Amino acid sequence: MRRTAILGSAGTLIAGTLVVGALTAPAASADSGRQLRDAEAIGVAVAAARAAQTGIDWQDCPADWGLEKPIQCGFVTVPVDYAKPNGKKIKIAVDRINATGTPAERQGALLYNPGGPGGSGLRFPRRVTTKNAIWANTAKAYDFVGFDPRGVGKSAPISCVDPTEFVKGPKLDPVPDSEADKLAQRKLAAEYAKGCAEKSGDMLPFMTTRNTARDLDVVRAALGEKKLNFVGVSYGTYLGAVYGTLFPTHVRRMVLDSVVNPSKRSIWYGANLGQDIAFEGRLTDWMTWVAQNDATYHLGDTLAEVRQQWDTLRAAAKKEPLGGKVGPAELIGFFQNAPYYDSMWAPVAEAWSAYAAGDPQPLIDSAAADLTDTAGNASSENGNAVYTAIECADAPWPTSWKKWDRDNSRLHEKYPFMTWSNAWMNLPCATWSGPRQRPTEVKTNKGLPPVLIAQSERDAATPYEGAVELHKRFKGSRLITEKDAGSHGITGLLNPCINTKVEAYLLSGKLDATDQTCAPHATPKP
């Protein structure tokens, strides 16, 4: 689950995988729910048959998409509501680059989802044009296909607030000092939910993981593929898990990297509470590394000293936002990149070190919104809108503020870095006006082939327990564990132990006889 911006009117969007009033949509009976699922199953079969017949009109990509030749772009038409396949339709943006090997080497199309919910997959084919060595052999066998899921980017994008207001800082400090602070954040969250209903209400009932999985099957058909080859990262693993449950006989090969816990009890309220705990642990890993490299960063040579530097910085930004733009919310939004990705350990530490040495500008430039970046800000706002819409619609959420307050107050005592920020980000789901689904019961249905799961042991965004849970639910799957590591999205990192296993599976279907453990990828250098 990826969060990458500052949440406009509703608090802080943690970088990093969610109409006012109480939830009023009636719960569906078992019979009505079954009838709806049957209608949707028929609808997706109809849409897929049409897409298979129509195909995709591949063209050079529009110049403003930032996708160089020979990448090609196109659209696949899908129904908004699969129970009504002849009703309103939207277009899903897709792109591809052809396999680089011989015709004899080609095995079909490989589709990719980077996470979110709300992430765009359109840059996936650029792993070929940028000559990414990790994926070079796989690219010989597969067309690399990316897509924007429904509501994202070029695929009927949704919105909840004005993008400039969404990114503008400084926001309120996520950590409340009083009941009045909590009430202010609650009002902002309710306003955000209302904005989603006002700006995108027609789409909200259909912004679900199950519908995105159905879209994925229609895209598969449009590509002329009988079975799906898929790589999903972060939220993409939940999309893959739901697809595998709904369409087990349509799966050929599936790699799921950095796994969202698919338990119905975890989707989505529990998953976000679990993140708070895991982020604190990975923050400690990074701060320990900063202390070990005090000769470079001069932020303290013990964990306690580095933590004190963080507290000092946070207090200073609360008293007077840096450059008038960067308060505690913006600092969290920038600093959490380090627990997410090892590749950000050094850049975050460098900006922090410069501040401590008397130069705040690198930190301001990194953490503050660029109000002139119109396209980037629109993308950030859209990504958060999709994140919120899908997580709110996928599952029931607590509507009692007392429960939110109790759970997050308790967590904050031991895990203060992200807990309240995460709470305010997800709180719009407490007043969401659209219908809620029951989460999919992820399981092995007849015909599902073996799936490859990859997970680092100390992942903050998708804690390790999620990979173990999915491994149990998908019979015959294999789990690769990267020990003593915590970066998010490990199949894209250089670690030959992992890279060779993923490649072997995608090229030959080969899996090890047992689950495997890999040593960590290289520790970042200061």
Protein backbone atom coordinates (compact mmCIF):
# COMPACT_ATOMS: atom_id res chain seq x y z
CA MET A 1 0.00 0.00 0.00
CA ARG A 2 1.59 3.16 -1.17
CA ARG A 3 1.01 6.71 0.01
CA THR A 4 2.93 9.49 -1.61
CA ALA A 5 1.52 12.93 -0.93
CA ILE A 6 -0.04 15.22 1.61
CA LEU A 7 -3.76 14.71 2.09
CA GLY A 8 -5.47 18.00 1.31
CA SER A 9 -8.37 18.81 3.56
CA ALA A 10 -8.29 15.66 5.61
CA GLY A 11 -4.88 15.66 7.26
CA THR A 12 -1.75 13.83 6.24
CA LEU A 13 -1.33 11.26 3.52
CA ILE A 14 1.38 8.92 4.69
CA ALA A 15 3.90 8.12 2.00
CA GLY A 16 3.79 5.16 1.80
CA THR A 17 -1.49 1.31 1.38
CA LEU A 18 -7.46 4.12 2.21
CA VAL A 19 -21.66 12.26 1.70
CA VAL A 20 -21.25 13.15 5.40
CA GLY A 21 -23.14 11.16 7.98
CA ALA A 22 -23.35 7.69 9.36
CA LEU A 23 -23.24 4.75 7.01
CA THR A 24 -26.80 4.17 5.89
CA ALA A 25 -26.53 1.63 3.08
CA PRO A 26 -28.50 -1.47 4.06
CA ALA A 27 -26.69 -4.75 4.37
CA ALA A 28 -27.45 -7.12 1.53
CA SER A 29 -29.06 -10.45 2.33
CA ALA A 30 -27.20 -13.64 1.49
CA ASP A 31 -29.55 -14.34 -1.42
CA SER A 32 -29.34 -10.84 -2.89
CA GLY A 33 -25.58 -10.86 -2.51
CA ARG A 34 -25.34 -14.17 -4.35
CA GLN A 35 -27.61 -12.93 -7.13
CA LEU A 36 -25.43 -9.84 -7.55
CA ARG A 37 -22.25 -11.91 -7.73
CA ASP A 38 -23.84 -14.18 -10.31
CA ALA A 39 -24.88 -11.17 -12.39
CA GLU A 40 -21.37 -9.71 -12.14
CA ALA A 41 -19.83 -13.04 -13.16
CA ILE A 42 -22.01 -13.08 -16.25
CA GLY A 43 -21.20 -9.43 -16.88
CA VAL A 44 -17.45 -9.92 -16.81
CA ALA A 45 -17.76 -12.90 -19.16
CA VAL A 46 -19.74 -10.74 -21.58
CA ALA A 47 -17.26 -7.85 -21.33
CA ALA A 48 -14.28 -10.18 -21.80
CA ALA A 49 -15.82 -11.81 -24.87
CA ARG A 50 -16.41 -8.40 -26.42
CA ALA A 51 -12.87 -7.29 -25.60
CA ALA A 52 -11.40 -10.46 -27.10
CA GLN A 53 -13.28 -9.77 -30.32
CA THR A 54 -12.38 -6.06 -30.42
CA GLY A 55 -8.77 -6.29 -29.29
CA ILE A 56 -6.70 -3.16 -28.67
CA ASP A 57 -5.97 -0.46 -31.24
CA TRP A 58 -2.31 0.07 -30.44
CA GLN A 59 -0.90 3.49 -31.35
CA ASP A 60 2.13 5.60 -30.47
CA CYS A 61 1.58 6.96 -26.97
CA PRO A 62 0.42 10.57 -26.54
CA ALA A 63 3.39 12.87 -26.06
CA ASP A 64 2.28 14.03 -22.63
CA TRP A 65 2.19 10.47 -21.28
CA GLY A 66 6.00 10.40 -21.08
CA LEU A 67 6.32 6.97 -22.70
CA GLU A 68 8.94 6.74 -25.40
CA LYS A 69 8.83 4.58 -28.54
CA PRO A 70 8.59 1.69 -29.16
CA ILE A 71 6.10 1.62 -26.25
CA GLN A 72 2.54 1.71 -27.61
CA CYS A 73 -0.69 2.75 -25.93
CA GLY A 74 -4.37 1.92 -26.22
CA PHE A 75 -7.64 1.52 -24.34
CA VAL A 76 -9.88 -1.33 -23.25
CA THR A 77 -13.59 -0.68 -22.69
CA VAL A 78 -15.15 -2.05 -19.50
CA PRO A 79 -18.54 -1.59 -17.83
CA VAL A 80 -18.69 0.63 -14.77
CA ASP A 81 -21.07 -1.89 -13.18
CA TYR A 82 -20.45 -5.52 -14.11
CA ALA A 83 -24.00 -6.40 -13.11
CA LYS A 84 -25.04 -4.18 -16.05
CA PRO A 85 -22.55 -4.96 -18.85
CA ASN A 86 -24.66 -3.02 -21.36
CA GLY A 87 -24.77 0.07 -19.17
CA LYS A 88 -22.30 2.92 -18.70
CA LYS A 89 -18.74 2.17 -19.76
CA ILE A 90 -15.27 3.58 -19.16
CA LYS A 91 -11.94 3.06 -20.90
CA ILE A 92 -8.92 1.50 -19.20
CA ALA A 93 -5.58 2.87 -20.44
CA VAL A 94 -2.98 0.24 -21.28
CA ASP A 95 0.49 0.25 -22.76
CA ARG A 96 2.95 -2.39 -23.93
CA ILE A 97 6.36 -3.08 -25.32
CA ASN A 98 6.83 -6.22 -27.33
CA ALA A 99 8.99 -9.09 -26.12
CA THR A 100 12.62 -8.57 -27.08
CA GLY A 101 13.40 -12.23 -27.81
CA THR A 102 12.71 -14.47 -30.76
CA PRO A 103 9.19 -15.61 -31.65
CA ALA A 104 10.08 -19.02 -30.23
CA GLU A 105 10.98 -17.44 -26.87
CA ARG A 106 7.77 -15.43 -26.53
CA GLN A 107 5.34 -16.64 -23.85
CA GLY A 108 2.68 -13.93 -23.98
CA ALA A 109 1.93 -10.76 -22.03
CA LEU A 110 3.06 -9.96 -18.49
CA LEU A 111 0.82 -7.46 -16.69
CA TYR A 112 1.91 -5.37 -13.74
CA ASN A 113 0.34 -3.41 -10.89
CA PRO A 114 2.58 -1.33 -8.59
CA GLY A 115 0.17 -0.91 -5.70
CA GLY A 116 -1.73 1.88 -4.04
CA PRO A 117 -4.67 1.53 -4.40
CA GLY A 118 -4.22 4.37 -6.85
CA GLY A 119 -0.88 3.59 -8.46
CA SER A 120 -0.33 3.75 -12.22
CA GLY A 121 1.33 0.81 -13.94
CA LEU A 122 1.98 2.57 -17.24
CA ARG A 123 5.72 2.92 -16.60
CA PHE A 124 6.23 -0.85 -16.43
CA PRO A 125 7.26 -1.17 -20.12
CA ARG A 126 10.03 1.36 -19.45
CA ARG A 127 11.91 -1.42 -17.69
CA VAL A 128 12.76 -2.47 -21.24
CA THR A 129 13.52 0.94 -22.73
CA THR A 130 15.70 1.85 -19.74
CA LYS A 131 17.50 -1.51 -20.00
CA ASN A 132 16.72 -2.71 -16.48
CA ALA A 133 19.10 -5.65 -16.13
CA ILE A 134 17.01 -7.46 -13.50
CA TRP A 135 14.16 -7.88 -15.99
CA ALA A 136 16.15 -8.31 -19.22
CA ASN A 137 15.71 -12.08 -19.57
CA THR A 138 12.04 -11.94 -18.64
CA ALA A 139 11.55 -9.23 -21.27
CA LYS A 140 12.73 -11.66 -23.95
CA ALA A 141 9.77 -13.90 -23.19
CA TYR A 142 6.98 -11.45 -22.46
CA ASP A 143 5.37 -8.32 -23.78
CA PHE A 144 5.50 -5.98 -20.77
CA VAL A 145 2.00 -4.52 -20.29
CA GLY A 146 1.09 -1.73 -17.90
CA PHE A 147 -2.30 -0.22 -17.15
CA ASP A 148 -4.02 2.46 -15.12
CA PRO A 149 -6.70 0.79 -12.96
CA ARG A 150 -10.20 2.25 -13.01
CA GLY A 151 -10.30 5.73 -11.55
CA VAL A 152 -6.54 6.21 -11.93
CA GLY A 153 -4.64 8.56 -14.23
CA LYS A 154 -5.78 7.98 -17.81
CA SER A 155 -8.60 5.56 -16.86
CA ALA A 156 -11.63 7.70 -16.00
CA PRO A 157 -9.83 9.43 -13.11
CA ILE A 158 -11.76 10.33 -9.98
CA SER A 159 -11.16 13.29 -7.66
CA CYS A 160 -12.19 14.45 -4.20
CA VAL A 161 -10.71 17.94 -3.75
CA ASP A 162 -8.89 20.64 -5.69
CA PRO A 163 -5.33 19.34 -6.29
CA THR A 164 -3.65 22.59 -5.20
CA GLU A 165 -5.56 22.64 -1.94
CA PHE A 166 -4.78 18.96 -1.52
CA VAL A 167 -1.02 19.44 -1.51
CA LYS A 168 -0.78 22.90 0.08
CA GLY A 169 0.96 23.07 3.44
CA PRO A 170 1.51 23.31 6.24
CA LYS A 171 -1.22 20.95 7.42
CA LEU A 172 -2.37 20.52 10.99
CA ASP A 173 0.00 18.58 13.22
CA PRO A 174 -1.30 15.00 13.00
CA VAL A 175 -0.58 14.37 16.70
CA PRO A 176 -3.42 16.00 18.65
CA ASP A 177 -2.71 18.03 21.77
CA SER A 178 -6.37 18.28 22.78
CA GLU A 179 -9.89 17.11 22.09
CA ALA A 180 -10.31 20.27 20.03
CA ASP A 181 -7.46 19.13 17.76
CA LYS A 182 -9.17 15.78 17.29
CA LEU A 183 -12.46 17.44 16.47
CA ALA A 184 -10.79 19.64 13.86
CA GLN A 185 -9.27 16.58 12.15
CA ARG A 186 -12.60 14.74 12.30
CA LYS A 187 -14.30 17.65 10.54
CA LEU A 188 -11.62 17.69 7.84
CA ALA A 189 -12.02 13.94 7.25
CA ALA A 190 -15.79 14.28 6.96
CA GLU A 191 -15.36 17.17 4.51
CA TYR A 192 -13.03 15.04 2.43
CA ALA A 193 -15.55 12.18 2.30
CA LYS A 194 -18.25 14.66 1.28
CA GLY A 195 -15.98 16.06 -1.44
CA CYS A 196 -15.46 12.56 -2.86
CA ALA A 197 -19.23 12.04 -3.01
CA GLU A 198 -19.81 15.41 -4.67
CA LYS A 199 -17.04 15.15 -7.27
CA SER A 200 -17.03 11.42 -8.02
CA GLY A 201 -20.21 10.01 -6.54
CA ASP A 202 -21.30 8.16 -9.69
CA MET A 203 -18.11 6.06 -9.67
CA LEU A 204 -17.69 5.47 -5.93
CA PRO A 205 -20.02 2.43 -5.60
CA PHE A 206 -17.97 0.65 -8.26
CA MET A 207 -14.46 1.58 -7.08
CA THR A 208 -13.62 -1.79 -5.55
CA THR A 209 -10.84 -4.33 -5.74
CA ARG A 210 -13.25 -6.93 -7.12
CA ASN A 211 -14.19 -4.64 -10.00
CA THR A 212 -10.53 -3.84 -10.66
CA ALA A 213 -9.86 -7.59 -10.80
CA ARG A 214 -12.70 -7.95 -13.27
CA ASP A 215 -11.18 -5.14 -15.36
CA LEU A 216 -7.91 -7.04 -15.30
CA ASP A 217 -9.64 -10.08 -16.76
CA VAL A 218 -11.17 -7.99 -19.54
CA VAL A 219 -7.73 -6.54 -20.32
CA ARG A 220 -6.36 -10.09 -20.45
CA ALA A 221 -9.00 -11.00 -22.99
CA ALA A 222 -8.40 -7.86 -25.05
CA LEU A 223 -4.72 -8.80 -25.27
CA GLY A 224 -5.72 -12.16 -26.75
CA GLU A 225 -4.33 -14.04 -23.74
CA LYS A 226 -6.12 -17.18 -22.58
CA LYS A 227 -4.43 -16.97 -19.19
CA LEU A 228 -2.95 -14.14 -17.12
CA ASN A 229 0.72 -13.63 -16.26
CA PHE A 230 0.88 -11.03 -13.51
CA VAL A 231 3.29 -9.28 -11.16
CA GLY A 232 1.67 -7.37 -8.29
CA VAL A 233 3.48 -5.30 -5.68
CA SER A 234 2.02 -3.99 -2.41
CA TYR A 235 -1.72 -3.42 -2.99
CA GLY A 236 -1.10 -5.19 -6.30
CA THR A 237 -0.75 -8.38 -4.25
CA TYR A 238 -4.29 -7.98 -2.93
CA LEU A 239 -5.52 -7.30 -6.45
CA GLY A 240 -3.74 -10.48 -7.54
CA ALA A 241 -5.11 -12.45 -4.61
CA VAL A 242 -8.68 -11.37 -5.40
CA TYR A 243 -8.16 -12.10 -9.11
CA GLY A 244 -6.79 -15.55 -8.30
CA THR A 245 -9.82 -16.23 -6.13
CA LEU A 246 -12.35 -15.04 -8.72
CA PHE A 247 -10.61 -16.38 -11.82
CA PRO A 248 -8.40 -19.30 -10.73
CA THR A 249 -8.48 -21.05 -14.11
CA HIS A 250 -7.41 -17.84 -15.86
CA VAL A 251 -4.07 -17.64 -14.01
CA ARG A 252 -0.90 -18.90 -15.67
CA ARG A 253 1.86 -17.36 -13.54
CA MET A 254 1.59 -14.87 -10.71
CA VAL A 255 4.28 -13.15 -8.62
CA LEU A 256 3.06 -11.30 -5.52
CA ASP A 257 5.65 -9.07 -3.88
CA SER A 258 5.25 -7.33 -0.46
CA VAL A 259 1.92 -8.74 0.52
CA VAL A 260 -1.18 -7.10 1.91
CA ASN A 261 -2.70 -9.39 4.54
CA PRO A 262 -5.78 -10.80 2.74
CA SER A 263 -7.60 -11.85 5.91
CA LYS A 264 -11.13 -10.42 6.00
CA ARG A 265 -10.36 -9.18 9.52
CA SER A 266 -7.43 -7.18 8.15
CA ILE A 267 -9.06 -5.52 5.14
CA TRP A 268 -8.73 -2.57 5.64
CA TYR A 269 -9.00 -1.13 9.15
CA GLY A 270 -6.77 -3.76 10.74
CA ALA A 271 -4.18 -3.51 7.98
CA ASN A 272 -3.66 0.17 8.66
CA LEU A 273 -3.24 -0.38 12.40
CA GLY A 274 -0.66 -3.05 11.61
CA GLN A 275 1.25 -0.57 9.49
CA ASP A 276 1.66 1.78 12.45
CA ILE A 277 3.51 -0.87 14.41
CA ALA A 278 5.67 -2.00 11.50
CA PHE A 279 6.67 1.54 10.49
CA GLU A 280 7.96 2.23 13.98
CA GLY A 281 10.20 -0.84 13.75
CA ARG A 282 11.60 0.07 10.37
CA LEU A 283 12.11 3.69 11.44
CA THR A 284 14.26 2.31 14.25
CA ASP A 285 16.29 0.29 11.72
CA TRP A 286 16.97 3.42 9.69
CA MET A 287 17.80 5.62 12.66
CA THR A 288 20.22 2.96 13.91
CA TRP A 289 21.93 3.11 10.51
CA VAL A 290 22.06 6.92 10.71
CA ALA A 291 23.74 6.62 14.12
CA GLN A 292 26.24 4.12 12.75
CA ASN A 293 27.13 6.67 10.09
CA ASP A 294 27.45 9.67 12.37
CA ALA A 295 30.75 10.57 10.75
CA THR A 296 28.72 11.42 7.63
CA TYR A 297 25.48 12.79 9.03
CA HIS A 298 26.41 14.23 12.46
CA LEU A 299 22.96 13.49 13.89
CA GLY A 300 24.16 11.45 16.86
CA ASP A 301 26.10 8.24 17.29
CA THR A 302 23.42 6.38 19.24
CA LEU A 303 19.82 5.56 18.42
CA ALA A 304 18.66 7.63 21.38
CA GLU A 305 20.52 10.70 20.13
CA VAL A 306 19.11 10.37 16.61
CA ARG A 307 15.59 9.98 17.99
CA GLN A 308 16.10 13.11 20.06
CA GLN A 309 17.17 14.95 16.91
CA TRP A 310 13.88 13.90 15.30
CA ASP A 311 11.88 15.11 18.30
CA THR A 312 13.77 18.42 18.24
CA LEU A 313 13.18 18.88 14.50
CA ARG A 314 9.51 18.03 14.83
CA ALA A 315 9.02 20.47 17.71
CA ALA A 316 10.78 23.24 15.80
CA ALA A 317 8.57 22.71 12.72
CA LYS A 318 5.48 22.68 14.93
CA LYS A 319 6.46 26.00 16.51
CA GLU A 320 7.37 27.64 13.21
CA PRO A 321 6.95 25.70 9.92
CA LEU A 322 10.18 25.53 7.95
CA GLY A 323 10.07 28.05 5.14
CA GLY A 324 6.46 28.66 6.11
CA LYS A 325 5.57 25.38 4.36
CA VAL A 326 6.89 22.38 6.30
CA GLY A 327 5.29 21.44 9.59
CA PRO A 328 5.18 18.07 11.38
CA ALA A 329 2.74 16.62 8.83
CA GLU A 330 5.03 17.41 5.91
CA LEU A 331 8.06 16.11 7.80
CA ILE A 332 6.33 12.77 8.38
CA GLY A 333 5.36 12.65 4.72
CA PHE A 334 9.02 13.00 3.72
CA PHE A 335 10.71 11.03 6.48
CA GLN A 336 8.52 7.97 6.05
CA ASN A 337 10.17 7.39 2.68
CA ALA A 338 13.13 5.97 4.60
CA PRO A 339 11.13 3.21 6.35
CA TYR A 340 9.51 2.44 3.00
CA TYR A 341 12.59 2.08 0.83
CA ASP A 342 16.24 1.50 1.64
CA SER A 343 17.09 3.56 -1.44
CA MET A 344 15.76 6.59 0.48
CA TRP A 345 17.87 6.07 3.61
CA ALA A 346 20.72 8.28 2.42
CA PRO A 347 18.66 11.03 0.69
CA VAL A 348 16.46 11.59 3.74
CA ALA A 349 19.46 11.55 6.08
CA GLU A 350 21.33 14.01 3.86
CA ALA A 351 18.52 16.56 3.89
CA TRP A 352 18.15 16.16 7.65
CA SER A 353 21.88 16.49 8.19
CA ALA A 354 21.98 19.72 6.17
CA TYR A 355 19.21 21.15 8.35
CA ALA A 356 21.11 20.25 11.52
CA ALA A 357 24.18 21.94 10.08
CA GLY A 358 22.26 25.17 9.53
CA ASP A 359 20.96 24.80 5.97
CA PRO A 360 17.20 24.07 6.02
CA GLN A 361 16.66 24.47 2.27
CA PRO A 362 17.28 20.84 1.17
CA LEU A 363 14.75 19.65 3.74
CA ILE A 364 12.23 22.32 2.72
CA ASP A 365 12.66 21.48 -0.96
CA SER A 366 12.19 17.78 -0.27
CA ALA A 367 9.23 17.97 2.10
CA ALA A 368 7.22 20.95 0.82
CA ALA A 369 4.71 20.75 -2.01
CA ASP A 370 5.65 22.34 -5.32
CA LEU A 371 2.50 24.31 -6.13
CA THR A 372 3.76 24.90 -9.70
CA ASP A 373 3.76 21.15 -10.45
CA THR A 374 0.22 21.05 -11.76
CA ALA A 375 0.43 17.57 -13.26
CA GLY A 376 2.20 16.07 -10.27
CA ASN A 377 -0.25 17.56 -7.80
CA ALA A 378 -3.22 16.34 -9.82
CA SER A 379 -1.68 12.87 -9.86
CA SER A 380 -1.16 12.94 -6.09
CA GLU A 381 -4.73 14.04 -5.45
CA ASN A 382 -6.08 11.42 -7.83
CA GLY A 383 -3.98 8.70 -6.22
CA ASN A 384 -5.31 9.53 -2.79
CA ALA A 385 -8.89 9.69 -4.07
CA VAL A 386 -8.59 6.18 -5.49
CA TYR A 387 -6.88 4.92 -2.35
CA THR A 388 -9.70 6.24 -0.20
CA ALA A 389 -12.49 5.16 -2.52
CA ILE A 390 -11.33 1.55 -2.84
CA GLU A 391 -10.43 1.00 0.79
CA CYS A 392 -13.69 2.58 1.98
CA ALA A 393 -15.81 0.54 -0.46
CA ASP A 394 -14.01 -2.79 -0.14
CA ALA A 395 -15.00 -3.45 3.46
CA PRO A 396 -16.98 -2.21 6.47
CA TRP A 397 -15.20 0.37 8.64
CA PRO A 398 -15.89 1.41 12.23
CA THR A 399 -18.31 4.33 12.33
CA SER A 400 -17.83 4.95 16.06
CA TRP A 401 -15.30 7.71 16.79
CA LYS A 402 -14.80 6.17 20.22
CA LYS A 403 -13.29 3.07 18.61
CA TRP A 404 -10.97 5.05 16.35
CA ASP A 405 -9.92 7.23 19.29
CA ARG A 406 -9.33 4.31 21.63
CA ASP A 407 -7.38 2.19 19.14
CA ASN A 408 -5.16 4.98 17.87
CA SER A 409 -4.55 6.54 21.29
CA ARG A 410 -3.29 3.20 22.58
CA LEU A 411 -1.10 2.59 19.54
CA HIS A 412 0.36 6.09 19.64
CA GLU A 413 1.81 5.49 23.10
CA LYS A 414 4.26 2.89 21.75
CA TYR A 415 4.29 3.67 18.03
CA PRO A 416 4.10 7.45 17.69
CA PHE A 417 5.75 8.02 14.32
CA MET A 418 2.81 7.28 12.04
CA THR A 419 -0.23 6.30 14.08
CA TRP A 420 -2.25 9.52 14.12
CA SER A 421 -1.25 10.48 10.58
CA ASN A 422 -2.53 7.14 9.35
CA ALA A 423 -5.72 7.50 11.36
CA TRP A 424 -6.63 10.88 9.88
CA MET A 425 -5.84 9.65 6.39
CA ASN A 426 -8.29 6.77 6.69
CA LEU A 427 -10.94 8.51 8.80
CA PRO A 428 -13.04 9.54 5.76
CA CYS A 429 -14.09 5.88 5.66
CA ALA A 430 -15.97 6.41 8.96
CA THR A 431 -18.43 8.80 7.26
CA TRP A 432 -18.31 7.35 3.74
CA SER A 433 -21.70 7.61 2.06
CA GLY A 434 -21.24 4.89 -0.55
CA PRO A 435 -22.05 1.19 -0.18
CA ARG A 436 -19.58 -1.16 1.53
CA GLN A 437 -18.76 -4.66 0.39
CA ARG A 438 -17.75 -7.60 2.48
CA PRO A 439 -14.12 -8.42 1.74
CA THR A 440 -13.39 -11.29 -0.63
CA GLU A 441 -12.63 -14.59 1.08
CA VAL A 442 -9.24 -15.15 -0.56
CA LYS A 443 -8.69 -18.87 -1.07
CA THR A 444 -7.56 -21.57 -3.45
CA ASN A 445 -10.33 -22.43 -5.85
CA LYS A 446 -10.11 -25.25 -8.36
CA GLY A 447 -7.64 -24.63 -11.14
CA LEU A 448 -5.36 -22.10 -9.43
CA PRO A 449 -1.71 -22.88 -10.31
CA PRO A 450 1.19 -22.38 -7.89
CA VAL A 451 1.86 -18.72 -7.07
CA LEU A 452 5.23 -17.20 -6.08
CA ILE A 453 5.24 -14.88 -3.05
CA ALA A 454 8.19 -12.63 -2.11
CA GLN A 455 8.46 -10.65 1.11
CA SER A 456 11.07 -8.88 3.20
CA GLU A 457 11.00 -9.74 6.87
CA ARG A 458 10.74 -6.18 8.22
CA ASP A 459 8.55 -4.53 5.58
CA ALA A 460 6.74 -1.55 7.11
CA ALA A 461 3.97 -0.93 4.57
CA THR A 462 2.90 -4.57 4.29
CA PRO A 463 4.05 -6.46 7.39
CA TYR A 464 5.45 -9.96 6.97
CA GLU A 465 2.42 -11.67 8.49
CA GLY A 466 0.48 -10.82 5.35
CA ALA A 467 2.75 -12.96 3.19
CA VAL A 468 2.40 -15.87 5.63
CA GLU A 469 -1.39 -15.52 5.55
CA LEU A 470 -1.60 -15.49 1.75
CA HIS A 471 0.82 -18.43 1.58
CA LYS A 472 -1.58 -20.44 3.74
CA ARG A 473 -4.57 -19.47 1.63
CA PHE A 474 -3.01 -20.17 -1.78
CA LYS A 475 -2.27 -23.89 -1.72
CA GLY A 476 0.90 -24.88 -3.54
CA SER A 477 2.35 -21.38 -3.37
CA ARG A 478 5.98 -20.79 -2.47
CA LEU A 479 7.27 -18.05 -0.18
CA ILE A 480 10.64 -16.37 -0.58
CA THR A 481 11.63 -14.51 2.59
CA GLU A 482 14.33 -11.86 2.50
CA LYS A 483 15.78 -12.11 6.00
CA ASP A 484 16.93 -9.12 8.03
CA ALA A 485 15.62 -6.71 5.38
CA GLY A 486 12.68 -4.34 5.21
CA SER A 487 12.50 -2.57 1.89
CA HIS A 488 9.10 -2.53 0.19
CA GLY A 489 8.89 -4.09 -3.26
CA ILE A 490 11.84 -6.47 -3.33
CA THR A 491 11.54 -8.03 -6.79
CA GLY A 492 12.83 -4.77 -8.27
CA LEU A 493 15.95 -4.69 -6.09
CA LEU A 494 19.28 -6.27 -6.91
CA ASN A 495 19.41 -9.49 -4.90
CA PRO A 496 20.50 -12.43 -7.08
CA CYS A 497 18.96 -14.95 -4.69
CA ILE A 498 15.52 -13.41 -5.26
CA ASN A 499 16.02 -12.26 -8.84
CA THR A 500 16.98 -15.69 -10.14
CA LYS A 501 14.04 -17.41 -8.44
CA VAL A 502 11.53 -14.92 -9.82
CA GLU A 503 13.03 -15.16 -13.27
CA ALA A 504 13.05 -18.97 -13.24
CA TYR A 505 9.41 -19.05 -12.24
CA LEU A 506 8.30 -16.58 -14.91
CA LEU A 507 10.32 -18.24 -17.65
CA SER A 508 9.69 -21.90 -16.84
CA GLY A 509 7.07 -22.08 -14.11
CA LYS A 510 9.74 -23.62 -11.89
CA LEU A 511 9.36 -23.29 -8.13
CA ASP A 512 11.62 -24.61 -5.41
CA ALA A 513 10.41 -27.73 -3.63
CA THR A 514 10.19 -25.80 -0.37
CA ASP A 515 9.92 -22.21 0.79
CA GLN A 516 13.19 -20.31 0.52
CA THR A 517 15.10 -17.77 2.57
CA CYS A 518 17.44 -15.23 1.00
CA ALA A 519 20.07 -13.07 2.64
CA PRO A 520 19.30 -9.33 2.53
CA HIS A 521 20.22 -7.11 -0.40
CA ALA A 522 23.16 -4.80 0.15
CA THR A 523 22.83 -2.28 2.99
CA PRO A 524 22.70 1.30 1.69
CA LYS A 525 25.94 3.24 1.73
CA PRO A 526 26.01 6.78 3.15
